[in-house]
Protein backbone atom coordinates (compact mmCIF):
# COMPACT_ATOMS: atom_id res chain seq x y z
CA UNK A 1 124.79 115.84 132.44
CA UNK A 2 126.57 112.60 130.46
CA UNK A 3 124.62 112.46 127.37
CA UNK A 4 124.99 108.55 126.92
CA UNK A 5 123.16 107.15 129.90
CA UNK A 6 119.86 109.41 129.89
CA UNK A 7 116.50 106.61 129.16
CA UNK A 8 114.63 107.78 126.35
CA UNK A 9 111.05 107.77 127.46
CA UNK A 10 108.02 107.84 125.21
CA UNK A 11 106.56 110.70 123.53
CA UNK A 12 110.02 112.85 124.54
CA UNK A 13 111.70 114.42 122.13
CA UNK A 14 115.61 114.02 121.65
CA UNK A 15 118.57 115.18 119.34
CA UNK A 16 120.43 111.56 118.59
CA UNK A 17 124.09 111.85 117.56
CA UNK A 18 126.83 109.11 117.30
CA UNK A 19 130.08 108.65 115.68
CA UNK A 20 132.71 106.04 113.91
CA UNK A 21 135.14 104.83 117.07
CA UNK A 22 137.68 107.04 117.49
CA UNK A 23 136.05 109.42 114.55
CA UNK A 24 136.40 106.60 111.77
CA UNK A 25 134.13 106.56 109.07
CA UNK A 26 130.86 105.40 109.14
CA UNK A 27 129.77 106.14 105.12
CA UNK A 28 133.02 104.52 103.37
CA UNK A 29 131.06 105.15 99.89
CA UNK A 30 127.81 107.06 98.27
CA UNK A 31 125.91 103.96 98.52
CA UNK A 32 126.33 103.37 102.24
CA UNK A 33 124.16 106.52 102.88
CA UNK A 34 120.71 104.97 101.40
CA UNK A 35 121.48 101.68 103.01
CA UNK A 36 122.02 103.75 105.85
CA UNK A 37 118.20 104.79 105.71
CA UNK A 38 116.93 101.28 104.94
CA UNK A 39 118.29 99.92 108.15
CA UNK A 40 117.22 102.90 110.02
CA UNK A 41 113.20 102.80 108.26
CA UNK A 42 113.65 98.90 109.35
CA UNK A 43 114.71 99.22 113.04
CA UNK A 44 113.98 102.68 114.13
CA UNK A 45 111.30 104.54 112.28
CA UNK A 46 108.85 102.01 114.04
CA UNK A 47 109.77 103.21 117.67
CA UNK A 48 110.22 106.89 116.40
CA UNK A 49 109.05 109.90 114.54
CA UNK A 50 111.89 111.72 112.98
CA UNK A 51 111.57 115.40 112.10
CA UNK A 52 115.50 116.21 110.86
CA UNK A 53 118.47 114.49 110.07
CA UNK A 54 122.33 114.88 108.53
CA UNK A 55 124.67 112.08 107.88
CA UNK A 56 128.08 113.26 107.58
CA UNK A 57 131.27 110.67 106.66
CA UNK A 58 132.55 110.09 110.51
CA UNK A 59 129.11 110.53 112.56
CA UNK A 60 125.29 111.81 112.17
CA UNK A 61 122.28 113.97 113.93
CA UNK A 62 118.83 112.72 114.42
CA UNK A 63 116.05 115.17 115.99
CA UNK A 64 113.30 112.40 116.71
CA UNK A 65 110.37 111.98 119.46
CA UNK A 66 109.54 108.25 120.50
CA UNK A 67 106.14 107.21 120.13
CA UNK A 68 103.93 106.87 122.62
CA UNK A 69 103.66 103.89 125.35
CA UNK A 70 100.58 102.38 123.35
CA UNK A 71 102.30 102.28 120.22
CA UNK A 72 105.13 100.92 121.81
CA UNK A 73 103.67 98.32 123.50
CA UNK A 74 101.31 97.72 120.23
CA UNK A 75 104.71 97.24 118.04
CA UNK A 76 105.97 94.58 120.49
CA UNK A 77 103.17 92.41 120.10
CA UNK A 78 103.25 90.51 123.89
CA UNK A 79 107.15 90.56 123.65
CA UNK A 80 109.42 91.79 126.09
CA UNK A 81 106.34 92.78 128.85
CA UNK A 82 108.50 92.74 131.36
CA UNK A 83 111.08 95.34 129.72
CA UNK A 84 110.83 98.78 130.02
CA UNK A 85 109.81 101.39 127.53
CA UNK A 86 113.61 102.65 127.86
CA UNK A 87 114.51 99.57 127.17
CA UNK A 88 112.70 98.67 124.41
CA UNK A 89 113.38 102.52 122.60
CA UNK A 90 117.21 101.81 123.31
CA UNK A 91 117.24 98.51 121.95
CA UNK A 92 115.60 99.89 118.56
CA UNK A 93 118.40 102.36 117.74
CA UNK A 94 120.91 99.16 119.43
CA UNK A 95 119.76 97.08 116.91
CA UNK A 96 119.94 99.43 114.06
CA UNK A 97 123.23 100.24 114.74
CA UNK A 98 124.50 96.24 115.30
CA UNK A 99 123.03 95.40 111.75
CA UNK A 100 124.26 98.26 110.24
CA UNK A 101 127.68 97.90 111.75
CA UNK A 102 127.56 93.88 110.63
CA UNK A 103 126.33 94.77 107.25
CA UNK A 104 129.59 97.34 106.34
CA UNK A 105 132.03 94.78 108.37
CA UNK A 106 130.98 91.61 105.92
CA UNK A 107 130.94 94.34 102.90
CA UNK A 108 134.47 95.89 103.75
CA UNK A 109 135.67 92.88 104.86
CA UNK A 110 136.45 94.71 108.51
CA UNK A 111 135.76 93.66 112.01
CA UNK A 112 134.64 94.66 115.37
CA UNK A 113 132.47 97.54 116.46
CA UNK A 114 131.61 100.50 114.14
CA UNK A 115 129.82 103.17 116.17
CA UNK A 116 130.58 104.63 119.54
CA UNK A 117 128.81 102.86 122.47
CA UNK A 118 126.59 104.02 123.69
CA UNK A 119 125.10 105.99 121.56
CA UNK A 120 124.65 110.48 122.61
CA UNK A 121 121.20 111.48 123.17
CA UNK A 122 119.81 115.18 124.20
CA UNK A 123 116.33 115.66 125.48
CA UNK A 124 114.78 118.92 123.82
CA UNK A 125 112.73 120.01 126.73
CA UNK A 126 111.97 123.80 124.81
CA UNK A 127 110.38 124.64 121.84
CA UNK A 128 113.68 127.01 121.16
CA UNK A 129 115.67 124.21 121.24
CA UNK A 130 114.11 122.18 118.61
CA UNK A 131 113.60 125.07 116.08
CA UNK A 132 117.48 126.20 116.77
CA UNK A 133 118.48 122.22 116.34
CA UNK A 134 116.73 122.14 113.12
CA UNK A 135 119.32 124.55 111.83
CA UNK A 136 122.08 122.98 113.74
CA UNK A 137 121.72 119.86 112.12
CA UNK A 138 121.34 121.08 108.70
CA UNK A 139 124.44 123.24 109.00
CA UNK A 140 126.54 120.52 109.93
CA UNK A 141 128.21 119.85 106.51
CA UNK A 142 128.91 123.14 106.12
CA UNK A 143 130.43 124.29 109.81
CA UNK A 144 132.84 120.63 109.10
CA UNK A 145 133.69 121.93 105.92
CA UNK A 146 131.97 119.29 103.66
CA UNK A 147 130.48 121.90 101.51
CA UNK A 148 129.99 125.84 101.26
CA UNK A 149 126.61 125.79 101.76
CA UNK A 150 124.64 123.65 103.71
CA UNK A 151 121.56 124.16 101.52
CA UNK A 152 123.23 122.07 98.94
CA UNK A 153 124.48 119.13 100.95
CA UNK A 154 122.45 115.83 99.47
CA UNK A 155 122.40 113.69 102.95
CA UNK A 156 120.70 116.28 105.32
CA UNK A 157 116.78 117.03 105.76
CA UNK A 158 117.24 120.31 104.73
CA UNK A 159 115.98 119.67 100.86
CA UNK A 160 113.66 116.92 101.73
CA UNK A 161 111.85 119.12 103.78
CA UNK A 162 111.15 121.15 100.93
CA UNK A 163 110.13 118.17 98.27
CA UNK A 164 106.82 116.23 97.96
CA UNK A 165 108.62 113.07 97.59
CA UNK A 166 107.46 110.31 99.89
CA UNK A 167 109.24 110.22 103.00
CA UNK A 168 109.39 108.49 106.15
CA UNK A 169 110.45 112.23 107.77
CA UNK A 170 107.75 114.33 109.48
CA UNK A 171 107.83 116.56 107.29
CA UNK A 172 104.61 118.00 107.70
CA UNK A 173 104.98 118.46 111.55
CA UNK A 174 108.75 120.62 110.53
CA UNK A 175 107.01 123.08 108.17
CA UNK A 176 103.96 123.71 110.44
CA UNK A 177 106.36 124.42 113.28
CA UNK A 178 107.58 127.06 111.16
CA UNK A 179 104.33 128.32 109.44
CA UNK A 180 105.13 126.97 106.11
CA UNK A 181 107.77 126.50 103.87
CA UNK A 182 108.63 130.62 103.18
CA UNK A 183 109.17 131.11 107.04
CA UNK A 184 111.49 127.83 107.20
CA UNK A 185 113.86 128.80 104.44
CA UNK A 186 113.33 132.50 105.93
CA UNK A 187 114.58 130.80 109.32
CA UNK A 188 117.45 129.04 107.85
CA UNK A 189 118.76 132.09 105.68
CA UNK A 190 118.50 134.42 109.24
CA UNK A 191 120.32 131.85 111.02
CA UNK A 192 122.54 131.52 108.38
CA UNK A 193 123.66 134.99 108.20
CA UNK A 194 124.10 135.17 112.12
CA UNK A 195 126.46 132.22 112.32
């Protein structure tokens, strides 16, 4: 199935991923990574819970769950009453991509789009896929040769799950999914051995 056309639905889990047009970088220097999250927090976080992420130079991966229809309608505060929840959810990402792209264009004196459109999404329809996806997302920097050990990569949620620092990431859900931090670490080690 075409992963760019699947409608986003309330209370469903998705792998969301995208890359720069023609594989170009979307993070041009270190300061772009936290800025991406500032924009994400503003435009996407109100509409989605985030469980895992990884940002690489030219692409990113997210594991998210769309909020309920009731929550979405409340967030919209009467605006876009005629629009579907699918529209509202897709628009959250569209607005985010546009805002980040405009900022990058202004800062680096560039023009045009930054991200491929439409963005890709895969529904997560089984517990086993959810579990494996967490490792897949965290392992991505090692898979692409950015680091020798994915656990040391600074722009993924692997380390965020293990710290108590405040975050918008739904850390507790993920750690409970694995029956605690020790099992979370053990799972990643086991998957590392199997890779």
